Protein backbone atom coordinates (compact mmCIF):
# COMPACT_ATOMS: atom_id res chain seq x y z
CA UNK A 1 0.08 0.25 -0.54
CA UNK A 2 3.23 2.53 1.47
CA UNK A 3 4.84 1.42 -2.71
CA UNK A 4 1.56 2.97 -4.18
CA UNK A 5 2.02 6.35 -5.60
CA UNK A 6 -1.21 8.76 -4.66
CA UNK A 7 -3.12 11.57 -6.22
CA UNK A 8 -2.58 13.83 -3.45
CA UNK A 9 -5.35 16.77 -3.88
CA UNK A 10 -2.53 20.08 -3.88
CA UNK A 11 -1.00 17.97 -6.80
CA UNK A 12 -4.49 18.08 -8.94
CA UNK A 13 -5.24 21.52 -8.59
CA UNK A 14 -2.63 22.28 -10.18
CA UNK A 15 -3.45 20.05 -13.37
CA UNK A 16 -6.79 20.24 -14.11
CA UNK A 17 -6.57 20.93 -18.00
CA UNK A 18 -7.06 17.46 -19.79
CA UNK A 19 -4.08 16.16 -21.63
CA UNK A 20 -2.28 12.86 -23.17
CA UNK A 21 0.29 12.04 -21.37
CA UNK A 22 4.02 11.65 -23.29
CA UNK A 23 5.41 9.52 -20.89
CA UNK A 24 2.47 6.73 -23.35
CA UNK A 25 3.93 7.67 -25.83
CA UNK A 26 8.20 7.44 -25.26
CA UNK A 27 8.01 5.04 -22.61
CA UNK A 28 8.69 1.19 -22.45
CA UNK A 29 6.56 0.70 -19.51
CA UNK A 30 3.21 1.66 -21.71
CA UNK A 31 4.04 0.74 -24.99
CA UNK A 32 2.11 -3.03 -23.94
CA UNK A 33 -0.93 -1.10 -22.87
CA UNK A 34 -4.17 -0.81 -24.72
CA UNK A 35 -5.02 2.00 -26.65
CA UNK A 36 -8.47 1.73 -24.84
CA UNK A 37 -6.71 1.78 -21.67
CA UNK A 38 -5.05 5.04 -22.07
CA UNK A 39 -7.91 6.91 -23.22
CA UNK A 40 -9.27 5.95 -20.17
CA UNK A 41 -6.93 7.26 -18.06
CA UNK A 42 -7.27 10.31 -19.23
CA UNK A 43 -10.75 10.77 -19.14
CA UNK A 44 -9.78 9.17 -15.34
CA UNK A 45 -8.08 12.13 -14.72
CA UNK A 46 -9.73 14.05 -15.84
CA UNK A 47 -12.78 13.16 -13.38
CA UNK A 48 -10.07 13.74 -10.55
CA UNK A 49 -11.54 17.23 -10.29
CA UNK A 50 -14.55 16.00 -9.95
CA UNK A 51 -14.18 14.06 -7.22
CA UNK A 52 -11.97 16.39 -4.99
CA UNK A 53 -15.41 18.98 -5.14
CA UNK A 54 -17.59 15.41 -4.19
CA UNK A 55 -15.34 15.38 -1.27
CA UNK A 56 -13.28 11.72 -2.04
CA UNK A 57 -10.01 12.97 -0.33
CA UNK A 58 -9.60 9.84 2.32
CA UNK A 59 -7.36 10.57 5.49
CA UNK A 60 -4.41 10.51 4.06
CA UNK A 61 -5.71 13.72 1.32
CA UNK A 62 -5.72 10.62 -1.27
CA UNK A 63 -7.78 11.32 -3.99
CA UNK A 64 -10.32 8.98 -4.73
CA UNK A 65 -13.66 7.80 -6.80
CA UNK A 66 -17.10 5.40 -6.08
CA UNK A 67 -17.86 4.97 -9.09
CA UNK A 68 -20.24 1.24 -9.69
CA UNK A 69 -19.21 -0.96 -12.97
CA UNK A 70 -22.07 0.27 -14.36
CA UNK A 71 -21.17 4.64 -13.86
CA UNK A 72 -17.66 3.26 -14.87
CA UNK A 73 -19.44 1.69 -18.47
CA UNK A 74 -21.16 5.22 -18.33
CA UNK A 75 -17.75 7.71 -17.71
CA UNK A 76 -16.00 5.56 -20.50
CA UNK A 77 -18.47 5.47 -22.51
CA UNK A 78 -18.83 1.19 -23.45
CA UNK A 79 -20.26 -2.05 -22.29
CA UNK A 80 -19.75 -4.10 -18.74
CA UNK A 81 -17.44 -6.81 -20.46
CA UNK A 82 -14.86 -3.97 -21.69
CA UNK A 83 -14.88 -1.67 -18.86
CA UNK A 84 -13.91 -4.63 -16.61
CA UNK A 85 -11.15 -5.56 -19.19
CA UNK A 86 -9.87 -1.95 -18.70
CA UNK A 87 -10.05 -1.49 -14.31
CA UNK A 88 -7.71 -4.55 -14.88
CA UNK A 89 -4.96 -3.53 -16.63
CA UNK A 90 -5.49 -0.35 -15.21
CA UNK A 91 -4.95 -2.46 -12.26
CA UNK A 92 -2.10 -4.80 -13.92
CA UNK A 93 0.27 -1.55 -14.62
CA UNK A 94 -0.50 -0.61 -11.08
CA UNK A 95 -2.86 2.85 -12.25
CA UNK A 96 -5.07 1.33 -10.79
CA UNK A 97 -5.88 0.37 -6.78
CA UNK A 98 -9.37 -0.71 -5.86
CA UNK A 99 -10.18 -0.62 -1.36
CA UNK A 100 -13.13 -2.68 -0.19
CA UNK A 101 -14.98 -0.36 1.92
CA UNK A 102 -17.02 -3.57 3.94
CA UNK A 103 -20.35 -3.75 4.34
CA UNK A 104 -22.92 -1.06 6.27
CA UNK A 105 -25.55 -1.55 8.89
CA UNK A 106 -27.71 1.06 8.13
CA UNK A 107 -28.29 0.82 4.18
CA UNK A 108 -28.65 -2.99 5.11
CA UNK A 109 -25.75 -3.40 1.92
CA UNK A 110 -21.58 -3.37 0.92
CA UNK A 111 -20.60 0.10 0.75
CA UNK A 112 -18.83 1.00 -2.89
CA UNK A 113 -14.98 -0.15 -4.14
CA UNK A 114 -13.42 2.98 -3.84
CA UNK A 115 -11.15 3.85 -7.02
CA UNK A 116 -7.95 5.19 -6.86
CA UNK A 117 -5.35 6.09 -9.65
CA UNK A 118 -2.12 6.63 -10.20
CA UNK A 119 -0.09 8.51 -10.78
CA UNK A 120 2.32 7.38 -14.20
CA UNK A 121 5.46 6.26 -13.52
CA UNK A 122 9.03 8.49 -15.48
CA UNK A 123 11.90 6.21 -15.31
CA UNK A 124 14.59 8.20 -15.92
CA UNK A 125 15.30 6.44 -19.62
CA UNK A 126 11.82 8.71 -20.42
CA UNK A 127 13.16 11.68 -19.82
CA UNK A 128 15.54 11.38 -21.75
CA UNK A 129 14.84 9.91 -24.36
CA UNK A 130 10.86 12.55 -23.59
CA UNK A 131 14.48 15.58 -23.42
CA UNK A 132 15.38 14.67 -26.54
CA UNK A 133 12.22 14.20 -28.21
CA UNK A 134 11.99 18.17 -27.43
CA UNK A 135 15.68 18.83 -27.70
CA UNK A 136 15.78 17.98 -31.85
CA UNK A 137 12.65 19.21 -32.27
CA UNK A 138 13.96 23.07 -30.80
CA UNK A 139 17.51 22.04 -33.61
CA UNK A 140 15.06 21.93 -36.46
CA UNK A 141 14.03 24.68 -35.30
CA UNK A 142 17.42 26.27 -34.64
CA UNK A 143 19.33 25.10 -37.73
CA UNK A 144 16.69 27.71 -39.91
CA UNK A 145 17.98 31.26 -39.01
CA UNK A 146 19.61 32.94 -40.96
CA UNK A 147 19.83 30.75 -44.06
CA UNK A 148 16.86 30.95 -47.06
CA UNK A 149 16.27 28.00 -49.41
CA UNK A 150 14.78 29.11 -52.94
CA UNK A 151 12.78 25.84 -55.07
CA UNK A 152 14.55 25.85 -58.47
CA UNK A 153 12.76 26.18 -61.75
CA UNK A 154 12.96 22.45 -61.71
CA UNK A 155 8.84 21.68 -64.11
CA UNK A 156 9.77 17.98 -62.14
CA UNK A 157 9.02 19.71 -58.25
CA UNK A 158 6.46 20.87 -56.47
CA UNK A 159 4.12 20.83 -53.46
CA UNK A 160 3.67 18.31 -52.95
CA UNK A 161 6.52 16.03 -54.25
CA UNK A 162 9.24 18.71 -53.15
CA UNK A 163 11.82 17.56 -50.53
CA UNK A 164 14.02 19.54 -48.43
CA UNK A 165 17.24 18.34 -49.68
CA UNK A 166 15.68 18.08 -54.23
CA UNK A 167 14.88 22.05 -55.68
CA UNK A 168 16.64 23.91 -53.03
CA UNK A 169 18.78 25.92 -52.79
CA UNK A 170 20.36 28.35 -50.60
CA UNK A 171 21.66 31.63 -50.99
CA UNK A 172 22.25 34.41 -48.88
CA UNK A 173 20.22 37.50 -48.27
CA UNK A 174 20.93 41.31 -49.30
CA UNK A 175 22.36 43.81 -46.95
CA UNK A 176 23.82 41.72 -44.73
CA UNK A 177 26.94 39.87 -43.46
CA UNK A 178 27.38 36.70 -45.57
CA UNK A 179 29.64 34.92 -42.77
CA UNK A 180 26.72 35.83 -40.41
CA UNK A 181 23.27 36.60 -42.11
CA UNK A 182 21.71 33.67 -43.56
CA UNK A 183 17.94 33.09 -42.47
CA UNK A 184 15.49 30.10 -44.29
CA UNK A 185 12.73 31.90 -45.54
CA UNK A 186 9.96 27.97 -46.11
CA UNK A 187 8.45 28.62 -50.09
CA UNK A 188 5.96 26.50 -50.99
CA UNK A 189 7.24 23.67 -49.02
CA UNK A 190 6.15 24.66 -45.25
CA UNK A 191 7.57 21.70 -43.32
CA UNK A 192 8.37 23.67 -40.30
CA UNK A 193 6.19 22.24 -37.82
CA UNK A 194 5.96 21.91 -34.11
CA UNK A 195 7.91 18.37 -34.80
CA UNK A 196 6.10 17.03 -30.48
CA UNK A 197 2.38 18.61 -30.86
CA UNK A 198 1.46 17.51 -33.90
CA UNK A 199 2.93 13.90 -33.00
CA UNK A 200 0.79 14.05 -29.33
CA UNK A 201 -1.95 16.03 -31.26
CA UNK A 202 -1.73 12.45 -33.93
CA UNK A 203 -1.54 10.73 -31.46
CA UNK A 204 -4.19 11.58 -29.87
CA UNK A 205 -6.55 11.41 -32.55
CA UNK A 206 -6.05 7.81 -33.45
CA UNK A 207 -6.75 6.36 -29.87
CA UNK A 208 -9.83 8.32 -29.54
CA UNK A 209 -10.77 7.19 -33.22
CA UNK A 210 -9.48 3.53 -31.68
CA UNK A 211 -11.07 4.09 -28.79
CA UNK A 212 -14.89 5.00 -30.75
CA UNK A 213 -14.00 1.74 -33.51
CA UNK A 214 -13.71 -0.62 -30.52
CA UNK A 215 -18.05 0.49 -29.23
CA UNK A 216 -19.19 0.77 -32.33
CA UNK A 217 -22.13 -1.85 -32.54
CA UNK A 218 -22.39 0.84 -28.62
CA UNK A 219 -22.64 4.10 -30.25
CA UNK A 220 -25.31 2.38 -33.71
CA UNK A 221 -27.34 0.72 -31.40
CA UNK A 222 -28.18 3.68 -29.84
CA UNK A 223 -31.85 4.73 -29.79
CA UNK A 224 -30.91 7.85 -31.06
CA UNK A 225 -29.02 6.57 -34.31
CA UNK A 226 -31.68 5.20 -37.18
CA UNK A 227 -30.01 1.87 -38.36
CA UNK A 228 -31.35 -1.14 -38.84
CA UNK A 229 -28.15 -3.24 -39.64
CA UNK A 230 -28.33 -6.09 -36.84
CA UNK A 231 -25.68 -5.59 -34.32
CA UNK A 232 -23.69 -8.59 -35.26
CA UNK A 233 -23.53 -7.46 -38.81
CA UNK A 234 -21.92 -4.18 -37.17
CA UNK A 235 -19.41 -6.47 -35.13
CA UNK A 236 -18.44 -7.84 -38.75
CA UNK A 237 -17.84 -3.94 -40.63
CA UNK A 238 -16.10 -2.65 -37.11
CA UNK A 239 -14.23 -5.79 -37.38
CA UNK A 240 -12.54 -5.69 -40.97
CA UNK A 241 -12.81 -1.90 -40.78
CA UNK A 242 -9.36 0.19 -40.20
CA UNK A 243 -11.13 3.67 -38.53
CA UNK A 244 -14.28 5.07 -37.00
CA UNK A 245 -15.36 6.42 -39.87
CA UNK A 246 -14.76 3.87 -42.49
CA UNK A 247 -17.26 1.76 -40.08
CA UNK A 248 -19.75 4.35 -40.68
CA UNK A 249 -19.52 4.98 -44.13
CA UNK A 250 -19.91 0.99 -44.70
CA UNK A 251 -23.28 1.67 -42.36
CA UNK A 252 -24.17 4.03 -45.03
CA UNK A 253 -23.23 2.65 -47.94
CA UNK A 254 -26.09 -0.42 -46.42
CA UNK A 255 -28.82 1.75 -46.28
CA UNK A 256 -27.46 3.35 -49.33
CA UNK A 257 -27.83 0.13 -50.88
CA UNK A 258 -31.49 -0.83 -49.43
CA UNK A 259 -32.73 2.57 -50.73
CA UNK A 260 -31.96 1.46 -54.54
CA UNK A 261 -33.00 -1.99 -53.84
CA UNK A 262 -36.90 -0.49 -52.48
CA UNK A 263 -36.34 1.91 -56.07
CA UNK A 264 -35.47 -0.46 -59.06
CA UNK A 265 -38.13 -2.58 -57.79
CA UNK A 266 -40.53 -0.23 -57.01
CA UNK A 267 -40.63 -1.91 -53.55
CA UNK A 268 -39.98 -0.53 -50.42
CA UNK A 269 -39.88 -3.12 -47.13
CA UNK A 270 -39.45 -3.36 -43.26
CA UNK A 271 -36.13 -4.99 -42.83
CA UNK A 272 -37.11 -6.02 -39.36
CA UNK A 273 -40.35 -7.45 -40.27
CA UNK A 274 -38.34 -9.96 -43.59
CA UNK A 275 -38.69 -12.87 -40.44
CA UNK A 276 -42.65 -12.96 -41.82
CA UNK A 277 -41.51 -13.93 -45.24
CA UNK A 278 -39.54 -16.75 -44.24
CA UNK A 279 -35.99 -14.83 -45.06
CA UNK A 280 -33.08 -15.28 -41.85
CA UNK A 281 -32.82 -12.08 -42.61
CA UNK A 282 -29.39 -10.86 -40.13
CA UNK A 283 -27.98 -14.22 -41.38
CA UNK A 284 -27.55 -13.72 -45.01
CA UNK A 285 -26.33 -10.14 -45.08
CA UNK A 286 -24.13 -11.51 -42.85
CA UNK A 287 -22.37 -13.99 -45.48
CA UNK A 288 -23.33 -11.65 -48.31
CA UNK A 289 -21.05 -8.21 -46.45
CA UNK A 290 -17.99 -11.32 -45.04
CA UNK A 291 -19.00 -12.32 -49.03
CA UNK A 292 -18.18 -8.91 -50.12
CA UNK A 293 -15.37 -9.11 -47.55
CA UNK A 294 -13.70 -12.28 -48.27
CA UNK A 295 -13.12 -10.70 -51.84
CA UNK A 296 -11.26 -7.93 -50.95
CA UNK A 297 -8.52 -10.04 -48.81
CA UNK A 298 -8.63 -12.64 -52.41
CA UNK A 299 -8.71 -10.58 -54.86
CA UNK A 300 -7.71 -6.76 -55.91
CA UNK A 301 -10.71 -4.19 -55.43
CA UNK A 302 -10.46 -0.97 -55.79
CA UNK A 303 -13.91 0.97 -53.40
CA UNK A 304 -14.57 -2.28 -51.31
CA UNK A 305 -17.40 0.70 -51.26
CA UNK A 306 -19.13 -0.01 -54.87
CA UNK A 307 -17.86 -4.02 -53.56
CA UNK A 308 -20.35 -4.15 -51.05
CA UNK A 309 -22.67 -1.91 -52.20
CA UNK A 310 -24.16 -3.91 -55.46
CA UNK A 311 -23.23 -7.05 -53.87
CA UNK A 312 -26.07 -6.16 -50.60
CA UNK A 313 -28.28 -4.43 -53.49
CA UNK A 314 -28.62 -6.92 -55.27
CA UNK A 315 -28.84 -9.51 -52.11
CA UNK A 316 -32.17 -6.86 -51.43
CA UNK A 317 -33.48 -7.41 -54.64
CA UNK A 318 -33.06 -11.07 -55.34
CA UNK A 319 -33.79 -12.54 -51.67
CA UNK A 320 -35.93 -9.51 -49.34
CA UNK A 321 -37.78 -8.35 -52.63
CA UNK A 322 -38.87 -11.00 -54.22
CA UNK A 323 -40.12 -12.89 -50.63
CA UNK A 324 -42.83 -10.54 -49.70
CA UNK A 325 -43.70 -9.96 -53.45
CA UNK A 326 -44.37 -13.58 -53.30
CA UNK A 327 -45.80 -14.08 -50.36
CA UNK A 328 -48.34 -11.38 -51.35
CA UNK A 329 -49.15 -12.87 -54.48
CA UNK A 330 -49.95 -16.09 -52.45
CA UNK A 331 -51.88 -14.11 -49.98
CA UNK A 332 -54.18 -12.46 -52.90
CA UNK A 333 -54.40 -15.53 -54.70
CA UNK A 334 -55.36 -17.54 -51.78
CA UNK A 335 -57.58 -14.48 -51.16
CA UNK A 336 -59.68 -14.45 -54.55
CA UNK A 337 -63.39 -16.53 -55.22
CA UNK A 338 -63.30 -18.87 -56.88
CA UNK A 339 -64.41 -19.08 -59.95
CA UNK A 340 -67.20 -21.86 -59.92
CA UNK A 341 -67.94 -22.57 -64.11
CA UNK A 342 -71.77 -24.18 -64.57
CA UNK A 343 -72.48 -27.27 -67.71
CA UNK A 344 -73.98 -25.50 -70.69
CA UNK A 345 -74.79 -28.86 -72.20
CA UNK A 346 -77.16 -30.16 -69.21
């Protein structure tokens, strides 16, 4: 217990801002930590202020949370199984400690466990790597002083392909001492960036996108999002998508394919009612989509969304819509009055 690196209340007040810890990028300690767990740590750390406002500070000055598993699901925007897995991984890295608070006789139930969040471990090597990262970035900027870079008139070079060592020449500026008066002025290729900030922002965006993709089924089955695509199919889409936006696009492609099939056939269908036409819609849509992904893996596919659109549209026309037409014809035939013929030869 004494080795646990607790957050102190005064320490928290000094860091009340949402941030992605740089150490997550460079440290060997956290390389194997899942992206969703890193995001969860950030979200929990950002809520330390709320814990303090609720007076959730123990007798030793350590800040704690009292989230139930369901409340933690809400905070992390994930399902119960995912929240439990995140808690276990945080514990395995020594970043989360659960303390049982015993039985409450007045309420007749156990008091909620206290959850303590630990500060990240930063080794001397981590500090060296971070300082090296920042130092190299500063050196890149410092080297720009006293030089002017002008692109040469090479017609083969353009703004996208122009490199720092190709298609450029360095000349001294006018009205300055040539031994000192050189400076770099970016022209065409504005490549001098805050590398450190850029890398961190890029990593943060990637982690956030991964968190959204991990919870894709939960997000898409929310009541506020009108989609007929079953959860099993959503999970398949998530598995074969490299980003959250790609997964979203695939769902939209399926909706567009259904609409196109309805327009071409002149018949509207409700996906949830297809079982009444003896169509196993969930399984067949899953299989149709799987065939498209299989082709992507075995053949050269220029545009996977176009392929999915064609496969799904054809399936809607050939199966659900055809089944509805057949069912309606059968019902009309059964409900029509029988024709009575008379033997006029009598």
